C-alpha atoms as a PDB file:
ATOM      1  CA  UNK A   1      24.528  -0.735 -18.073  1.00  0.00           C
ATOM      2  CA  UNK A   2      22.047  -2.928 -19.268  1.00  0.00           C
ATOM      3  CA  UNK A   3      19.919  -5.932 -17.748  1.00  0.00           C
ATOM      4  CA  UNK A   4      22.811  -8.764 -18.737  1.00  0.00           C
ATOM      5  CA  UNK A   5      25.400  -6.515 -16.731  1.00  0.00           C
ATOM      6  CA  UNK A   6      22.894  -6.517 -13.547  1.00  0.00           C
ATOM      7  CA  UNK A   7      22.054 -10.033 -14.162  1.00  0.00           C
ATOM      8  CA  UNK A   8      25.778 -10.948 -14.163  1.00  0.00           C
ATOM      9  CA  UNK A   9      26.508  -8.752 -10.960  1.00  0.00           C
ATOM     10  CA  UNK A  10      23.631 -10.606  -9.139  1.00  0.00           C
ATOM     11  CA  UNK A  11      24.448 -13.823  -9.780  1.00  0.00           C
ATOM     12  CA  UNK A  12      28.054 -12.809  -8.332  1.00  0.00           C
ATOM     13  CA  UNK A  13      26.139 -11.582  -5.069  1.00  0.00           C
ATOM     14  CA  UNK A  14      24.143 -14.592  -5.068  1.00  0.00           C
ATOM     15  CA  UNK A  15      26.783 -17.124  -5.466  1.00  0.00           C
ATOM     16  CA  UNK A  16      28.910 -15.525  -3.224  1.00  0.00           C
ATOM     17  CA  UNK A  17      32.168 -15.123  -5.803  1.00  0.00           C
ATOM     18  CA  UNK A  18      33.014 -15.192  -9.775  1.00  0.00           C
ATOM     19  CA  UNK A  19      33.941 -18.713  -9.817  1.00  0.00           C
ATOM     20  CA  UNK A  20      30.696 -20.134  -8.648  1.00  0.00           C
ATOM     21  CA  UNK A  21      28.716 -17.424 -10.471  1.00  0.00           C
ATOM     22  CA  UNK A  22      30.440 -18.641 -14.011  1.00  0.00           C
ATOM     23  CA  UNK A  23      29.139 -22.040 -13.282  1.00  0.00           C
ATOM     24  CA  UNK A  24      25.689 -21.101 -12.596  1.00  0.00           C
ATOM     25  CA  UNK A  25      25.767 -18.970 -15.811  1.00  0.00           C
ATOM     26  CA  UNK A  26      27.689 -21.208 -18.034  1.00  0.00           C
ATOM     27  CA  UNK A  27      30.654 -18.731 -18.700  1.00  0.00           C
ATOM     28  CA  UNK A  28      34.123 -18.413 -18.352  1.00  0.00           C
ATOM     29  CA  UNK A  29      35.380 -17.153 -15.518  1.00  0.00           C
ATOM     30  CA  UNK A  30      37.218 -14.421 -17.097  1.00  0.00           C
ATOM     31  CA  UNK A  31      34.247 -13.272 -18.711  1.00  0.00           C
ATOM     32  CA  UNK A  32      32.089 -12.879 -15.726  1.00  0.00           C
ATOM     33  CA  UNK A  33      35.101 -10.788 -14.463  1.00  0.00           C
ATOM     34  CA  UNK A  34      35.305  -8.471 -17.326  1.00  0.00           C
ATOM     35  CA  UNK A  35      31.513  -7.863 -17.109  1.00  0.00           C
ATOM     36  CA  UNK A  36      32.018  -6.929 -13.379  1.00  0.00           C
ATOM     37  CA  UNK A  37      35.072  -4.643 -14.295  1.00  0.00           C
ATOM     38  CA  UNK A  38      33.246  -3.192 -16.845  1.00  0.00           C
ATOM     39  CA  UNK A  39      30.133  -2.385 -14.952  1.00  0.00           C
ATOM     40  CA  UNK A  40      32.316  -0.778 -12.227  1.00  0.00           C
ATOM     41  CA  UNK A  41      34.182   1.356 -14.847  1.00  0.00           C
ATOM     42  CA  UNK A  42      30.675   2.518 -16.022  1.00  0.00           C
ATOM     43  CA  UNK A  43      29.258   3.432 -12.609  1.00  0.00           C
ATOM     44  CA  UNK A  44      32.945   4.772 -11.351  1.00  0.00           C
ATOM     45  CA  UNK A  45      32.877   2.910  -8.144  1.00  0.00           C
ATOM     46  CA  UNK A  46      33.851  -0.228  -6.833  1.00  0.00           C
ATOM     47  CA  UNK A  47      31.019  -2.698  -6.195  1.00  0.00           C
ATOM     48  CA  UNK A  48      32.711  -5.366  -4.029  1.00  0.00           C
ATOM     49  CA  UNK A  49      35.521  -5.764  -1.371  1.00  0.00           C
ATOM     50  CA  UNK A  50      37.848  -8.753  -0.936  1.00  0.00           C
ATOM     51  CA  UNK A  51      37.473 -10.647   2.408  1.00  0.00           C
ATOM     52  CA  UNK A  52      39.771 -13.461   2.177  1.00  0.00           C
ATOM     53  CA  UNK A  53      38.475 -15.784  -0.349  1.00  0.00           C
ATOM     54  CA  UNK A  54      35.221 -14.030  -0.619  1.00  0.00           C
ATOM     55  CA  UNK A  55      33.911 -11.065  -2.271  1.00  0.00           C
ATOM     56  CA  UNK A  56      31.840  -8.692  -0.060  1.00  0.00           C
ATOM     57  CA  UNK A  57      29.665  -5.981  -1.450  1.00  0.00           C
ATOM     58  CA  UNK A  58      30.753  -2.493  -1.010  1.00  0.00           C
ATOM     59  CA  UNK A  59      28.422   0.121   0.252  1.00  0.00           C
ATOM     60  CA  UNK A  60      27.919   0.915  -3.394  1.00  0.00           C
ATOM     61  CA  UNK A  61      27.273  -2.389  -4.481  1.00  0.00           C
ATOM     62  CA  UNK A  62      24.454  -2.773  -1.682  1.00  0.00           C
ATOM     63  CA  UNK A  63      22.682   0.258  -3.386  1.00  0.00           C
ATOM     64  CA  UNK A  64      22.811  -1.476  -6.645  1.00  0.00           C
ATOM     65  CA  UNK A  65      21.844  -4.443  -5.746  1.00  0.00           C
ATOM     66  CA  UNK A  66      18.678  -3.338  -4.510  1.00  0.00           C
ATOM     67  CA  UNK A  67      18.000  -1.461  -7.838  1.00  0.00           C
ATOM     68  CA  UNK A  68      18.935  -4.699  -9.794  1.00  0.00           C
ATOM     69  CA  UNK A  69      16.620  -6.787  -7.892  1.00  0.00           C
ATOM     70  CA  UNK A  70      13.835  -4.583  -8.795  1.00  0.00           C
ATOM     71  CA  UNK A  71      14.874  -3.883 -12.437  1.00  0.00           C
ATOM     72  CA  UNK A  72      15.202  -7.888 -13.234  1.00  0.00           C
ATOM     73  CA  UNK A  73      12.174  -8.664 -11.447  1.00  0.00           C
ATOM     74  CA  UNK A  74      10.244  -5.870 -13.466  1.00  0.00           C
ATOM     75  CA  UNK A  75      11.858  -7.159 -17.003  1.00  0.00           C
ATOM     76  CA  UNK A  76      10.541 -10.921 -16.068  1.00  0.00           C
ATOM     77  CA  UNK A  77       7.384  -9.601 -15.288  1.00  0.00           C
ATOM     78  CA  UNK A  78       7.124  -7.368 -18.476  1.00  0.00           C
ATOM     79  CA  UNK A  79       8.190 -10.043 -20.479  1.00  0.00           C
ATOM     80  CA  UNK A  80       5.256 -12.604 -18.936  1.00  0.00           C
ATOM     81  CA  UNK A  81       2.786  -9.616 -19.519  1.00  0.00           C
ATOM     82  CA  UNK A  82       3.267  -9.358 -23.082  1.00  0.00           C
ATOM     83  CA  UNK A  83       3.240 -13.006 -23.777  1.00  0.00           C
ATOM     84  CA  UNK A  84      -0.119 -13.539 -22.206  1.00  0.00           C
ATOM     85  CA  UNK A  85      -3.206 -12.148 -20.912  1.00  0.00           C
ATOM     86  CA  UNK A  86      -3.449 -14.290 -17.704  1.00  0.00           C
ATOM     87  CA  UNK A  87      -2.170 -12.251 -14.710  1.00  0.00           C
ATOM     88  CA  UNK A  88       1.141 -13.898 -12.993  1.00  0.00           C
ATOM     89  CA  UNK A  89       3.695 -12.862 -10.965  1.00  0.00           C
ATOM     90  CA  UNK A  90       3.726 -10.690  -7.687  1.00  0.00           C
ATOM     91  CA  UNK A  91       0.881  -7.658  -7.084  1.00  0.00           C
ATOM     92  CA  UNK A  92       1.693  -5.517  -4.612  1.00  0.00           C
ATOM     93  CA  UNK A  93      -1.601  -3.861  -3.108  1.00  0.00           C
ATOM     94  CA  UNK A  94      -1.696  -0.948  -0.731  1.00  0.00           C
ATOM     95  CA  UNK A  95      -4.630  -0.111   1.321  1.00  0.00           C
ATOM     96  CA  UNK A  96      -5.678   2.219   3.880  1.00  0.00           C
ATOM     97  CA  UNK A  97      -6.351   0.182   7.119  1.00  0.00           C
ATOM     98  CA  UNK A  98     -10.074   0.520   7.326  1.00  0.00           C
ATOM     99  CA  UNK A  99     -10.418  -0.716   3.777  1.00  0.00           C
ATOM    100  CA  UNK A 100      -8.059  -3.566   4.511  1.00  0.00           C
ATOM    101  CA  UNK A 101      -9.694  -4.378   7.325  1.00  0.00           C
ATOM    102  CA  UNK A 102     -13.584  -4.206   6.494  1.00  0.00           C
ATOM    103  CA  UNK A 103     -13.623  -4.585   2.627  1.00  0.00           C
ATOM    104  CA  UNK A 104     -10.746  -6.848   1.134  1.00  0.00           C
ATOM    105  CA  UNK A 105     -10.742 -10.448   3.254  1.00  0.00           C
ATOM    106  CA  UNK A 106     -13.357 -11.773   1.329  1.00  0.00           C
ATOM    107  CA  UNK A 107     -12.506 -10.209  -2.594  1.00  0.00           C
ATOM    108  CA  UNK A 108      -8.914 -11.087  -2.281  1.00  0.00           C
ATOM    109  CA  UNK A 109      -9.861 -14.751  -1.424  1.00  0.00           C
ATOM    110  CA  UNK A 110     -11.743 -14.781  -4.321  1.00  0.00           C
ATOM    111  CA  UNK A 111      -8.929 -13.194  -6.120  1.00  0.00           C
ATOM    112  CA  UNK A 112      -6.605 -15.953  -4.892  1.00  0.00           C
ATOM    113  CA  UNK A 113      -9.120 -18.811  -6.179  1.00  0.00           C
ATOM    114  CA  UNK A 114      -9.542 -17.348  -9.495  1.00  0.00           C
ATOM    115  CA  UNK A 115      -5.808 -16.171 -10.269  1.00  0.00           C
ATOM    116  CA  UNK A 116      -3.518 -18.617  -8.324  1.00  0.00           C
ATOM    117  CA  UNK A 117      -0.578 -17.695 -10.546  1.00  0.00           C
ATOM    118  CA  UNK A 118      -0.479 -14.209  -8.549  1.00  0.00           C
ATOM    119  CA  UNK A 119       1.135 -13.834  -5.531  1.00  0.00           C
ATOM    120  CA  UNK A 120      -0.697 -11.060  -3.862  1.00  0.00           C
ATOM    121  CA  UNK A 121       1.052  -8.918  -1.139  1.00  0.00           C
ATOM    122  CA  UNK A 122      -1.250  -6.552   0.633  1.00  0.00           C
ATOM    123  CA  UNK A 123       0.350  -3.211   2.665  1.00  0.00           C
ATOM    124  CA  UNK A 124      -1.139  -0.959   4.943  1.00  0.00           C
ATOM    125  CA  UNK A 125      -0.311   2.819   5.647  1.00  0.00           C
ATOM    126  CA  UNK A 126      -1.086   6.488   5.359  1.00  0.00           C
ATOM    127  CA  UNK A 127      -2.466   7.161   1.920  1.00  0.00           C
ATOM    128  CA  UNK A 128      -0.024   9.708   1.393  1.00  0.00           C
ATOM    129  CA  UNK A 129       2.832   6.910   2.000  1.00  0.00           C
ATOM    130  CA  UNK A 130       0.801   4.615   0.009  1.00  0.00           C
ATOM    131  CA  UNK A 131       0.806   7.072  -3.167  1.00  0.00           C
ATOM    132  CA  UNK A 132       4.468   7.892  -2.682  1.00  0.00           C
ATOM    133  CA  UNK A 133       5.365   4.075  -2.909  1.00  0.00           C
ATOM    134  CA  UNK A 134       3.227   3.717  -5.809  1.00  0.00           C
ATOM    135  CA  UNK A 135       4.711   6.294  -7.943  1.00  0.00           C
ATOM    136  CA  UNK A 136       8.135   4.916  -6.886  1.00  0.00           C
ATOM    137  CA  UNK A 137       7.222   1.588  -8.046  1.00  0.00           C
ATOM    138  CA  UNK A 138       7.380   0.072  -4.708  1.00  0.00           C
ATOM    139  CA  UNK A 139       3.644  -0.975  -4.970  1.00  0.00           C
ATOM    140  CA  UNK A 140       1.576  -1.906  -8.050  1.00  0.00           C
ATOM    141  CA  UNK A 141      -1.720  -0.555  -7.169  1.00  0.00           C
ATOM    142  CA  UNK A 142      -3.594   1.202  -3.911  1.00  0.00           C
ATOM    143  CA  UNK A 143      -6.784   1.825  -2.705  1.00  0.00           C
ATOM    144  CA  UNK A 144      -7.204   4.989  -1.251  1.00  0.00           C
ATOM    145  CA  UNK A 145     -10.231   7.776  -0.292  1.00  0.00           C
ATOM    146  CA  UNK A 146     -10.618  11.126  -1.740  1.00  0.00           C
ATOM    147  CA  UNK A 147      -9.378  12.921  -4.989  1.00  0.00           C
ATOM    148  CA  UNK A 148      -6.463  11.822  -6.893  1.00  0.00           C
ATOM    149  CA  UNK A 149      -5.360  14.085  -9.787  1.00  0.00           C
ATOM    150  CA  UNK A 150      -1.616  12.798 -10.477  1.00  0.00           C
ATOM    151  CA  UNK A 151      -1.612  12.595 -14.383  1.00  0.00           C
ATOM    152  CA  UNK A 152       0.844   9.616 -13.827  1.00  0.00           C
ATOM    153  CA  UNK A 153      -1.737   7.474 -12.481  1.00  0.00           C
ATOM    154  CA  UNK A 154      -5.070   5.754 -13.867  1.00  0.00           C
ATOM    155  CA  UNK A 155      -7.883   5.046 -11.271  1.00  0.00           C
ATOM    156  CA  UNK A 156     -11.126   3.334 -10.943  1.00  0.00           C
ATOM    157  CA  UNK A 157     -14.069   3.921  -8.413  1.00  0.00           C
ATOM    158  CA  UNK A 158     -14.369   0.989  -6.208  1.00  0.00           C
ATOM    159  CA  UNK A 159     -16.462   1.486  -3.055  1.00  0.00           C
ATOM    160  CA  UNK A 160     -18.511   4.627  -1.781  1.00  0.00           C
ATOM    161  CA  UNK A 161     -18.290   4.531   1.914  1.00  0.00           C
ATOM    162  CA  UNK A 162     -20.844   6.135   4.290  1.00  0.00           C
ATOM    163  CA  UNK A 163     -19.136   7.897   6.963  1.00  0.00           C
ATOM    164  CA  UNK A 164     -20.511   7.949  10.421  1.00  0.00           C
ATOM    165  CA  UNK A 165     -20.078   9.547  14.030  1.00  0.00           C
ATOM    166  CA  UNK A 166     -19.711   6.647  16.754  1.00  0.00           C
ATOM    167  CA  UNK A 167     -20.174   7.030  20.170  1.00  0.00           C
ATOM    168  CA  UNK A 168     -21.342   5.084  23.397  1.00  0.00           C
ATOM    169  CA  UNK A 169     -24.773   3.140  23.115  1.00  0.00           C
ATOM    170  CA  UNK A 170     -26.210   5.744  25.619  1.00  0.00           C
ATOM    171  CA  UNK A 171     -24.792   9.094  24.077  1.00  0.00           C
ATOM    172  CA  UNK A 172     -27.193  11.513  23.612  1.00  0.00           C
ATOM    173  CA  UNK A 173     -28.083  12.357  19.766  1.00  0.00           C
ATOM    174  CA  UNK A 174     -25.450  13.981  17.651  1.00  0.00           C
ATOM    175  CA  UNK A 175     -26.798  16.504  15.125  1.00  0.00           C
ATOM    176  CA  UNK A 176     -23.925  19.147  14.890  1.00  0.00           C
ATOM    177  CA  UNK A 177     -20.127  19.498  15.779  1.00  0.00           C
ATOM    178  CA  UNK A 178     -21.447  21.714  18.915  1.00  0.00           C
ATOM    179  CA  UNK A 179     -22.903  18.599  20.265  1.00  0.00           C
ATOM    180  CA  UNK A 180     -19.135  17.391  20.504  1.00  0.00           C
ATOM    181  CA  UNK A 181     -17.156  20.306  21.928  1.00  0.00           C
ATOM    182  CA  UNK A 182     -16.663  18.580  25.412  1.00  0.00           C
ATOM    183  CA  UNK A 183     -15.983  15.273  24.071  1.00  0.00           C
ATOM    184  CA  UNK A 184     -12.462  13.476  23.012  1.00  0.00           C
ATOM    185  CA  UNK A 185     -12.413  12.639  19.226  1.00  0.00           C
ATOM    186  CA  UNK A 186     -10.325   9.461  18.436  1.00  0.00           C
ATOM    187  CA  UNK A 187      -8.840   9.737  15.023  1.00  0.00           C
ATOM    188  CA  UNK A 188      -6.110   8.392  12.836  1.00  0.00           C
ATOM    189  CA  UNK A 189      -2.969  10.133  11.936  1.00  0.00           C
ATOM    190  CA  UNK A 190      -3.258  13.492  10.047  1.00  0.00           C
ATOM    191  CA  UNK A 191      -2.927  12.215   6.736  1.00  0.00           C
ATOM    192  CA  UNK A 192      -6.163   9.765   7.048  1.00  0.00           C
ATOM    193  CA  UNK A 193      -8.641  11.111   4.883  1.00  0.00           C
ATOM    194  CA  UNK A 194     -11.258  10.413   7.064  1.00  0.00           C
ATOM    195  CA  UNK A 195      -9.752  12.522   9.927  1.00  0.00           C
ATOM    196  CA  UNK A 196      -9.740  15.438   7.107  1.00  0.00           C
ATOM    197  CA  UNK A 197     -13.489  15.003   6.779  1.00  0.00           C
ATOM    198  CA  UNK A 198     -13.974  15.207  10.339  1.00  0.00           C
ATOM    199  CA  UNK A 199     -11.994  18.323  10.740  1.00  0.00           C
ATOM    200  CA  UNK A 200     -14.056  19.860   7.964  1.00  0.00           C
ATOM    201  CA  UNK A 201     -16.957  18.919   9.557  1.00  0.00           C
ATOM    202  CA  UNK A 202     -16.076  20.929  12.747  1.00  0.00           C
ATOM    203  CA  UNK A 203     -14.580  23.640  10.820  1.00  0.00           C
ATOM    204  CA  UNK A 204     -17.761  24.018   9.142  1.00  0.00           C
ATOM    205  CA  UNK A 205     -19.611  24.167  12.420  1.00  0.00           C
ATOM    206  CA  UNK A 206     -16.840  27.241  13.540  1.00  0.00           C
ATOM    207  CA  UNK A 207     -16.010  24.880  16.485  1.00  0.00           C
ATOM    208  CA  UNK A 208     -13.205  22.399  17.773  1.00  0.00           C
ATOM    209  CA  UNK A 209     -13.040  19.203  19.708  1.00  0.00           C
ATOM    210  CA  UNK A 210     -11.576  19.860  23.212  1.00  0.00           C
ATOM    211  CA  UNK A 211      -9.202  16.878  22.806  1.00  0.00           C
ATOM    212  CA  UNK A 212      -7.978  14.971  19.987  1.00  0.00           C
ATOM    213  CA  UNK A 213      -6.537  11.394  20.604  1.00  0.00           C
ATOM    214  CA  UNK A 214      -4.543   9.711  17.645  1.00  0.00           C
ATOM    215  CA  UNK A 215      -4.684   5.814  17.866  1.00  0.00           C
ATOM    216  CA  UNK A 216      -3.322   3.190  15.508  1.00  0.00           C
ATOM    217  CA  UNK A 217      -6.037   1.034  14.491  1.00  0.00           C
ATOM    218  CA  UNK A 218      -9.786   0.849  14.186  1.00  0.00           C
ATOM    219  CA  UNK A 219     -10.298  -1.898  16.472  1.00  0.00           C
ATOM    220  CA  UNK A 220      -8.565   0.607  19.180  1.00  0.00           C
ATOM    221  CA  UNK A 221     -10.699   3.122  18.384  1.00  0.00           C
ATOM    222  CA  UNK A 222     -14.232   1.259  18.596  1.00  0.00           C
ATOM    223  CA  UNK A 223     -12.638  -0.342  21.974  1.00  0.00           C
ATOM    224  CA  UNK A 224     -12.391   3.221  23.418  1.00  0.00           C
ATOM    225  CA  UNK A 225     -15.435   4.675  21.864  1.00  0.00           C
ATOM    226  CA  UNK A 226     -17.613   1.578  23.405  1.00  0.00           C
ATOM    227  CA  UNK A 227     -16.425   2.101  27.039  1.00  0.00           C
ATOM    228  CA  UNK A 228     -16.993   6.207  26.634  1.00  0.00           C
ATOM    229  CA  UNK A 229     -13.475   7.281  26.361  1.00  0.00           C
ATOM    230  CA  UNK A 230     -14.614   9.273  23.118  1.00  0.00           C
ATOM    231  CA  UNK A 231     -16.196   9.483  19.809  1.00  0.00           C
ATOM    232  CA  UNK A 232     -14.928   8.833  16.355  1.00  0.00           C
ATOM    233  CA  UNK A 233     -15.929   9.493  12.633  1.00  0.00           C
ATOM    234  CA  UNK A 234     -15.776   5.948  10.778  1.00  0.00           C
ATOM    235  CA  UNK A 235     -16.704   4.100   7.586  1.00  0.00           C
ATOM    236  CA  UNK A 236     -20.089   2.535   8.353  1.00  0.00           C
ATOM    237  CA  UNK A 237     -18.574  -0.874   6.595  1.00  0.00           C
ATOM    238  CA  UNK A 238     -15.866  -1.000   9.606  1.00  0.00           C
ATOM    239  CA  UNK A 239     -18.912  -1.662  12.047  1.00  0.00           C
ATOM    240  CA  UNK A 240     -20.403  -4.699  10.040  1.00  0.00           C
ATOM    241  CA  UNK A 241     -17.826  -7.216  11.678  1.00  0.00           C
ATOM    242  CA  UNK A 242     -17.505  -5.522  14.935  1.00  0.00           C
ATOM    243  CA  UNK A 243     -18.763  -8.110  17.386  1.00  0.00           C
ATOM    244  CA  UNK A 244     -19.917  -5.317  20.036  1.00  0.00           C
ATOM    245  CA  UNK A 245     -21.919  -3.188  18.177  1.00  0.00           C
ATOM    246  CA  UNK A 246     -24.374  -3.005  20.633  1.00  0.00           C
ATOM    247  CA  UNK A 247     -22.229  -0.835  22.976  1.00  0.00           C
ATOM    248  CA  UNK A 248     -22.261   1.758  20.079  1.00  0.00           C
ATOM    249  CA  UNK A 249     -24.384   4.454  18.792  1.00  0.00           C
ATOM    250  CA  UNK A 250     -24.627   5.611  15.017  1.00  0.00           C
ATOM    251  CA  UNK A 251     -25.258   9.177  14.165  1.00  0.00           C
ATOM    252  CA  UNK A 252     -25.279  10.093  10.509  1.00  0.00           C
ATOM    253  CA  UNK A 253     -23.606  13.195   9.073  1.00  0.00           C
ATOM    254  CA  UNK A 254     -25.177  15.610   6.611  1.00  0.00           C
ATOM    255  CA  UNK A 255     -25.217  14.829   2.853  1.00  0.00           C
ATOM    256  CA  UNK A 256     -22.102  16.998   2.132  1.00  0.00           C
ATOM    257  CA  UNK A 257     -20.085  15.096   4.435  1.00  0.00           C
ATOM    258  CA  UNK A 258     -21.351  11.688   4.762  1.00  0.00           C
ATOM    259  CA  UNK A 259     -20.041   9.713   1.812  1.00  0.00           C
ATOM    260  CA  UNK A 260     -16.480   9.269   0.356  1.00  0.00           C
ATOM    261  CA  UNK A 261     -15.053   7.368  -2.588  1.00  0.00           C
ATOM    262  CA  UNK A 262     -12.449   4.757  -2.242  1.00  0.00           C
ATOM    263  CA  UNK A 263     -10.645   4.469  -5.504  1.00  0.00           C
ATOM    264  CA  UNK A 264      -7.986   1.829  -7.298  1.00  0.00           C
ATOM    265  CA  UNK A 265      -4.959   3.500  -8.469  1.00  0.00           C
ATOM    266  CA  UNK A 266      -2.196   2.414 -10.509  1.00  0.00           C
ATOM    267  CA  UNK A 267       0.679   3.533 -12.534  1.00  0.00           C
ATOM    268  CA  UNK A 268      -0.366   4.353 -16.216  1.00  0.00           C
ATOM    269  CA  UNK A 269       3.134   2.675 -17.103  1.00  0.00           C
ATOM    270  CA  UNK A 270       2.541  -0.570 -15.347  1.00  0.00           C
ATOM    271  CA  UNK A 271       1.632  -4.085 -16.523  1.00  0.00           C
ATOM    272  CA  UNK A 272      -2.216  -3.821 -16.290  1.00  0.00           C
ATOM    273  CA  UNK A 273      -3.620  -7.433 -16.770  1.00  0.00           C
ATOM    274  CA  UNK A 274      -3.238  -8.218 -12.902  1.00  0.00           C
ATOM    275  CA  UNK A 275      -4.465  -4.721 -11.655  1.00  0.00           C
ATOM    276  CA  UNK A 276      -7.469  -4.695 -14.164  1.00  0.00           C
ATOM    277  CA  UNK A 277      -8.388  -8.404 -12.802  1.00  0.00           C
ATOM    278  CA  UNK A 278      -8.073  -7.336  -9.615  1.00  0.00           C
ATOM    279  CA  UNK A 279     -10.762  -4.301 -10.074  1.00  0.00           C
ATOM    280  CA  UNK A 280     -13.195  -6.858 -11.565  1.00  0.00           C
ATOM    281  CA  UNK A 281     -13.266  -8.703  -8.448  1.00  0.00           C
ATOM    282  CA  UNK A 282     -13.477  -5.717  -6.210  1.00  0.00           C
ATOM    283  CA  UNK A 283     -16.270  -4.358  -8.388  1.00  0.00           C
ATOM    284  CA  UNK A 284     -18.021  -7.881  -8.078  1.00  0.00           C
ATOM    285  CA  UNK A 285     -18.319  -7.567  -4.408  1.00  0.00           C
END
């Protein structure tokens, strides 16, 4: 199976039949039919089923189409990358929710102005899922907090975040986890590195919060904190654009828990031009 086989296969799918695909590819109909039959022989499956005058994808054909799209797009991108140092194509960036909300709007706008040839797509998810998608080549780069040691990845430190405890405005001073035993902690999912830092802080104090409530966004967490429903550990940068900061109080953590680095990571075997261009813009923020 080579790329030309996949190109013929995808053309038949897009055209809805062999005859129209042959016209698009400027080939004889018999040549297109032979290529599809040879591809089916190599794979040992039927890729199409006939329904009336149209060819419909078989279940195996649907699976192959997903891979064909990715491989052909990647081949096109690779060809562009080696012909020029100018970033082009699609850049699929994954980021934690806090990073996407607080850090990225301005630099991504500048990136778009500087590199209009790059179509940048932004995705937000659990850092563990982002890394999986990166390793599966579903994303080109990710911004995640905490240590990364996978030898398949390259990385660049981008931000150093200060983590703080946030409570309602009139909350008493918070000096240790023992001051929060009776309070509800508002957090993200267990895979969130900031939640893991919070759990480590409590573990070091040999106490556990009475109640933990998971929320899906920082705006929801901050809203709950502002009305006294609980307290939270957040990057200080998240508060910079929050309109109701006067309803909150900020409590600093001990030095060992206070900071966390956000890193840009990408696969070592990925085209680097657009990723390095993004890193340059992010570091200039």
